[in-house]
Amino acid sequence: MDDMMTLAMMAALLLALGAFAGVLAGLLGVGGGIILVPAFFYVFSVLGFDSPELMQICLGTSLATIIVTSLRSVAAHSKKDAVAWPILRGWGVGIAIGATLGVLVATSLRSEVLQAIFGVLVIVVGVYMTLARESWRLGPEMPRGVLRAVLSPMIGFLSVLMGIGGGSFGVPTMTLYGVPIHRAVATAAGFGVIIAVPSVIGFLLVDVAVAPPFTVGAVNFMAFGLVVVMTMITAPWGAALAHKMDAKRLKRVFGVFLLLIAFNMLRKVLG
């Protein structure tokens, strides 16, 4: 009976989480991972599945959802000819290499260390979303050569350590180098696929001692299935809301929200 109650509570929390993440993704154009990772951590902790590998489960499960949502997003953007395929081809190998390195690092670290890394990186993303201006530029076109060889693995590496797709680092990188925002968002969805596929394979091979039900390696398939279904249902609701609201103000509010999430995560790490 206790097991059934735990499963029912887990399902209810995950459905609510998926609905919320989907609305945010549609409303703000951000991937759900930056919300899903701390939310998964909270859900699994509350249900008694806290362990030294819990953060790995949160990262692996979040990245699994990104495979589905990013593929869907790329397909939709491709129909509108919005994906910059030359950028995707030129940056894809480096991003995949960085993602693979990210899995190797993430699977070797304890949950507390990954929490701290997540908190610090979310602060960086939150500050950027709060302060960024559309006029900011680092160059007139996307980097090539050595700079691309450095930046592309970095995007993959940092994204895996946060359990997110290509949006949080890919979109700012592209817009800072003159790529129009809609094209950057479409192309970053492709980054998400390249990041998530090799990293999820790696997380499936992790040996986790304490895990929620329906977990294989460090990927929880119950959370994956329920969240994917709910985000697909509610993301269009968020997109509809976005057309009725001030997008710039929303992004700044969300940036502040991210800072609160990050500081709460760091507070837990520091005790």
Protein backbone atom coordinates (compact mmCIF):
# COMPACT_ATOMS: atom_id res chain seq x y z
CA MET A 1 0.00 0.00 0.00
CA ASP A 2 2.82 2.38 0.88
CA ASP A 3 4.45 1.65 -2.48
CA MET A 4 1.19 2.43 -4.32
CA MET A 5 0.77 5.68 -2.37
CA THR A 6 4.33 6.68 -3.21
CA LEU A 7 3.77 5.95 -6.90
CA ALA A 8 0.49 7.90 -6.92
CA MET A 9 2.08 10.90 -5.23
CA MET A 10 5.08 10.71 -7.55
CA ALA A 11 2.80 10.63 -10.61
CA ALA A 12 0.73 13.58 -9.38
CA LEU A 13 3.80 15.72 -8.67
CA LEU A 14 5.40 14.85 -12.01
CA LEU A 15 2.23 15.68 -13.96
CA ALA A 16 2.02 19.08 -12.26
CA LEU A 17 5.72 19.65 -12.89
CA GLY A 18 5.41 18.76 -16.58
CA ALA A 19 2.47 21.11 -17.01
CA PHE A 20 4.37 23.99 -15.39
CA ALA A 21 7.54 23.35 -17.40
CA GLY A 22 5.56 23.20 -20.64
CA VAL A 23 3.85 26.54 -20.01
CA LEU A 24 7.20 28.16 -19.21
CA ALA A 25 8.82 26.71 -22.32
CA GLY A 26 6.05 28.07 -24.52
CA LEU A 27 5.82 31.38 -22.71
CA LEU A 28 9.50 32.25 -22.52
CA GLY A 29 11.12 30.16 -25.24
CA VAL A 30 13.39 28.44 -22.73
CA GLY A 31 13.98 24.73 -22.43
CA GLY A 32 12.32 22.96 -19.56
CA GLY A 33 15.57 21.50 -18.22
CA ILE A 34 16.52 24.52 -16.18
CA ILE A 35 13.22 24.10 -14.31
CA LEU A 36 13.02 20.30 -14.43
CA VAL A 37 16.35 19.57 -12.73
CA PRO A 38 15.64 21.38 -9.42
CA ALA A 39 12.00 20.24 -9.56
CA PHE A 40 13.00 16.58 -10.04
CA PHE A 41 15.42 17.00 -7.16
CA TYR A 42 12.63 18.31 -4.92
CA VAL A 43 10.12 15.60 -5.94
CA PHE A 44 12.52 12.70 -5.50
CA SER A 45 13.88 14.08 -2.22
CA VAL A 46 10.39 14.55 -0.75
CA LEU A 47 9.52 10.97 -1.69
CA GLY A 48 12.58 9.65 0.15
CA PHE A 49 14.92 8.85 -2.73
CA ASP A 50 17.74 11.14 -1.67
CA SER A 51 21.17 9.65 -2.40
CA PRO A 52 24.72 10.66 -3.42
CA GLU A 53 23.63 10.04 -7.05
CA LEU A 54 20.28 11.87 -6.94
CA MET A 55 21.48 14.85 -8.96
CA GLN A 56 22.71 12.48 -11.68
CA ILE A 57 19.19 11.04 -11.94
CA CYS A 58 17.77 14.56 -12.24
CA LEU A 59 20.25 15.50 -14.98
CA GLY A 60 19.82 12.24 -16.92
CA THR A 61 16.02 12.35 -16.78
CA SER A 62 15.89 16.01 -17.79
CA LEU A 63 18.15 15.35 -20.78
CA ALA A 64 15.97 12.39 -21.83
CA THR A 65 12.94 14.71 -22.06
CA ILE A 66 15.02 17.13 -24.13
CA ILE A 67 15.57 14.50 -26.85
CA VAL A 68 11.82 14.40 -27.53
CA THR A 69 11.04 18.09 -27.12
CA SER A 70 14.06 19.22 -29.16
CA LEU A 71 13.31 16.83 -32.03
CA ARG A 72 9.73 18.11 -32.10
CA SER A 73 10.95 21.70 -32.01
CA VAL A 74 13.53 21.20 -34.79
CA ALA A 75 10.89 19.59 -37.01
CA ALA A 76 8.49 22.50 -36.46
CA HIS A 77 11.16 25.15 -37.06
CA SER A 78 12.51 23.31 -40.10
CA LYS A 79 9.11 23.51 -41.80
CA LYS A 80 9.39 27.29 -41.48
CA ASP A 81 12.99 27.23 -42.79
CA ALA A 82 14.18 28.79 -39.53
CA VAL A 83 17.03 26.38 -38.68
CA ALA A 84 20.53 27.56 -39.61
CA TRP A 85 21.80 24.18 -40.81
CA PRO A 86 25.35 25.41 -41.62
CA ILE A 87 25.75 26.52 -37.99
CA LEU A 88 24.32 23.23 -36.76
CA ARG A 89 26.72 21.21 -38.93
CA GLY A 90 29.73 23.38 -38.10
CA TRP A 91 29.16 23.38 -34.34
CA GLY A 92 27.60 19.94 -33.91
CA VAL A 93 30.75 17.84 -33.58
CA GLY A 94 32.27 20.12 -30.94
CA ILE A 95 29.00 20.24 -28.99
CA ALA A 96 28.75 16.42 -29.03
CA ILE A 97 32.35 16.10 -27.80
CA GLY A 98 31.64 18.56 -24.99
CA ALA A 99 28.45 16.71 -24.03
CA THR A 100 30.32 13.40 -23.85
CA LEU A 101 32.96 14.96 -21.60
CA GLY A 102 30.17 16.44 -19.51
CA VAL A 103 28.68 13.00 -18.87
CA LEU A 104 32.06 11.61 -17.84
CA VAL A 105 32.49 14.45 -15.34
CA ALA A 106 28.88 14.43 -14.08
CA THR A 107 28.84 10.68 -13.44
CA SER A 108 32.03 10.93 -11.38
CA LEU A 109 30.79 13.65 -9.02
CA ARG A 110 28.61 13.44 -5.94
CA SER A 111 25.16 15.00 -5.87
CA GLU A 112 26.28 17.89 -3.63
CA VAL A 113 29.01 18.93 -6.06
CA LEU A 114 26.62 18.81 -9.02
CA GLN A 115 24.11 20.88 -7.04
CA ALA A 116 26.75 23.54 -6.45
CA ILE A 117 27.77 23.57 -10.12
CA PHE A 118 24.13 23.79 -11.18
CA GLY A 119 23.50 26.69 -8.78
CA VAL A 120 26.48 28.70 -10.01
CA LEU A 121 25.66 28.15 -13.70
CA VAL A 122 21.99 29.06 -13.17
CA ILE A 123 23.14 32.32 -11.58
CA VAL A 124 25.12 33.06 -14.75
CA VAL A 125 22.09 32.31 -16.96
CA GLY A 126 19.75 34.27 -14.67
CA VAL A 127 21.97 37.35 -14.61
CA TYR A 128 22.27 37.26 -18.40
CA MET A 129 18.50 36.95 -18.88
CA THR A 130 17.91 39.81 -16.43
CA LEU A 131 20.47 42.25 -17.87
CA ALA A 132 20.89 41.25 -21.54
CA ARG A 133 20.16 43.75 -24.30
CA GLU A 134 19.33 42.90 -27.92
CA SER A 135 22.02 45.34 -29.07
CA TRP A 136 24.87 43.41 -27.40
CA ARG A 137 27.34 41.95 -29.94
CA LEU A 138 30.68 40.16 -29.78
CA GLY A 139 31.09 39.94 -33.55
CA PRO A 140 29.27 40.22 -36.90
CA GLU A 141 29.16 36.47 -37.61
CA MET A 142 29.50 33.12 -35.87
CA PRO A 143 33.11 32.26 -34.94
CA ARG A 144 35.16 29.75 -36.89
CA GLY A 145 38.52 28.08 -36.33
CA VAL A 146 40.00 28.07 -32.84
CA LEU A 147 37.23 30.10 -31.19
CA ARG A 148 34.55 27.74 -32.50
CA ALA A 149 36.67 24.77 -31.41
CA VAL A 150 36.65 26.21 -27.86
CA LEU A 151 33.08 27.49 -27.64
CA SER A 152 31.24 24.51 -29.16
CA PRO A 153 32.50 21.87 -26.66
CA MET A 154 31.93 24.37 -23.86
CA ILE A 155 28.23 24.67 -24.79
CA GLY A 156 27.83 20.88 -24.74
CA PHE A 157 29.86 20.41 -21.56
CA LEU A 158 28.11 23.08 -19.46
CA SER A 159 24.67 22.07 -20.74
CA VAL A 160 25.11 18.47 -19.55
CA LEU A 161 26.28 19.64 -16.11
CA MET A 162 22.98 21.55 -15.88
CA GLY A 163 20.80 18.88 -17.52
CA ILE A 164 19.58 21.34 -20.17
CA GLY A 165 19.40 21.55 -23.96
CA GLY A 166 21.08 24.06 -26.23
CA GLY A 167 18.96 27.12 -25.49
CA SER A 168 20.48 28.65 -22.38
CA PHE A 169 24.01 28.83 -23.81
CA GLY A 170 23.41 28.37 -27.54
CA VAL A 171 20.90 31.19 -28.04
CA PRO A 172 22.99 33.87 -26.28
CA THR A 173 26.11 32.73 -28.17
CA MET A 174 24.38 33.00 -31.54
CA THR A 175 22.63 36.30 -30.86
CA LEU A 176 25.86 37.84 -29.58
CA TYR A 177 27.34 36.99 -32.98
CA GLY A 178 24.54 38.52 -35.00
CA VAL A 179 22.20 35.56 -35.57
CA PRO A 180 18.54 36.76 -35.46
CA ILE A 181 16.77 35.59 -32.32
CA HIS A 182 14.15 33.40 -34.04
CA ARG A 183 16.85 31.65 -36.08
CA ALA A 184 18.99 31.23 -32.97
CA VAL A 185 16.13 29.63 -31.02
CA ALA A 186 15.37 27.25 -33.92
CA THR A 187 19.02 26.25 -34.32
CA ALA A 188 19.53 25.84 -30.57
CA ALA A 189 16.79 23.18 -30.61
CA GLY A 190 19.15 21.21 -32.85
CA PHE A 191 21.93 21.79 -30.33
CA GLY A 192 19.61 20.20 -27.75
CA VAL A 193 19.34 16.96 -29.71
CA ILE A 194 23.12 16.79 -30.18
CA ILE A 195 23.66 17.39 -26.46
CA ALA A 196 20.97 15.06 -25.15
CA VAL A 197 21.42 11.89 -27.23
CA PRO A 198 25.04 10.99 -26.26
CA SER A 199 24.58 12.19 -22.70
CA VAL A 200 21.44 10.10 -22.09
CA ILE A 201 23.26 7.02 -23.41
CA GLY A 202 25.98 7.72 -20.86
CA PHE A 203 23.54 8.28 -17.99
CA LEU A 204 21.74 5.00 -18.81
CA LEU A 205 24.99 3.17 -18.04
CA VAL A 206 25.45 4.72 -14.57
CA ASP A 207 25.12 2.43 -11.54
CA VAL A 208 22.82 4.12 -9.00
CA ALA A 209 22.33 2.57 -5.55
CA VAL A 210 19.14 4.38 -4.45
CA ALA A 211 16.68 5.36 -7.17
CA PRO A 212 12.95 6.00 -7.66
CA PRO A 213 10.82 3.27 -9.28
CA PHE A 214 11.18 2.78 -13.06
CA THR A 215 14.76 4.07 -13.11
CA VAL A 216 17.33 2.61 -15.53
CA GLY A 217 20.86 3.79 -14.84
CA ALA A 218 20.34 7.47 -13.99
CA VAL A 219 17.20 8.00 -16.10
CA ASN A 220 13.77 7.74 -14.52
CA PHE A 221 11.33 6.61 -17.22
CA MET A 222 8.20 7.42 -15.24
CA ALA A 223 9.27 11.04 -14.92
CA PHE A 224 10.38 11.08 -18.54
CA GLY A 225 7.05 9.82 -19.89
CA LEU A 226 4.74 11.94 -17.74
CA VAL A 227 6.70 15.16 -18.18
CA VAL A 228 7.03 14.77 -21.97
CA VAL A 229 3.28 14.21 -22.33
CA MET A 230 2.40 17.22 -20.17
CA THR A 231 4.89 19.59 -21.78
CA MET A 232 3.52 18.76 -25.22
CA ILE A 233 0.01 19.56 -23.99
CA THR A 234 0.80 22.80 -22.15
CA ALA A 235 3.60 24.36 -24.25
CA PRO A 236 1.07 25.70 -26.80
CA TRP A 237 -0.81 27.35 -23.91
CA GLY A 238 2.36 29.17 -22.91
CA ALA A 239 3.01 30.19 -26.52
CA ALA A 240 -0.50 31.64 -26.76
CA LEU A 241 0.05 33.60 -23.55
CA ALA A 242 3.37 34.93 -24.85
CA HIS A 243 1.59 36.83 -27.63
CA LYS A 244 -0.50 38.67 -25.04
CA MET A 245 2.33 39.70 -22.70
CA ASP A 246 5.51 41.80 -22.71
CA ALA A 247 8.23 39.26 -23.65
CA LYS A 248 11.15 41.41 -22.48
CA ARG A 249 9.65 41.97 -19.05
CA LEU A 250 8.77 38.29 -18.75
CA LYS A 251 12.35 37.25 -19.48
CA ARG A 252 13.65 39.60 -16.80
CA VAL A 253 11.14 38.27 -14.28
CA PHE A 254 12.15 34.73 -15.21
CA GLY A 255 15.80 35.71 -14.79
CA VAL A 256 15.07 36.78 -11.21
CA PHE A 257 13.13 33.54 -10.69
CA LEU A 258 16.18 31.57 -11.84
CA LEU A 259 18.38 33.45 -9.39
CA LEU A 260 16.06 32.45 -6.54
CA ILE A 261 16.22 28.79 -7.68
CA ALA A 262 20.02 28.95 -7.84
CA PHE A 263 20.46 30.54 -4.42
CA ASN A 264 18.06 27.99 -2.88
CA MET A 265 20.08 25.14 -4.42
CA LEU A 266 23.33 26.62 -3.11
CA ARG A 267 21.75 27.16 0.31
CA LYS A 268 20.95 23.44 0.52
CA VAL A 269 24.51 22.54 -0.46
CA LEU A 270 26.01 24.86 2.13
CA GLY A 271 23.62 23.58 4.79
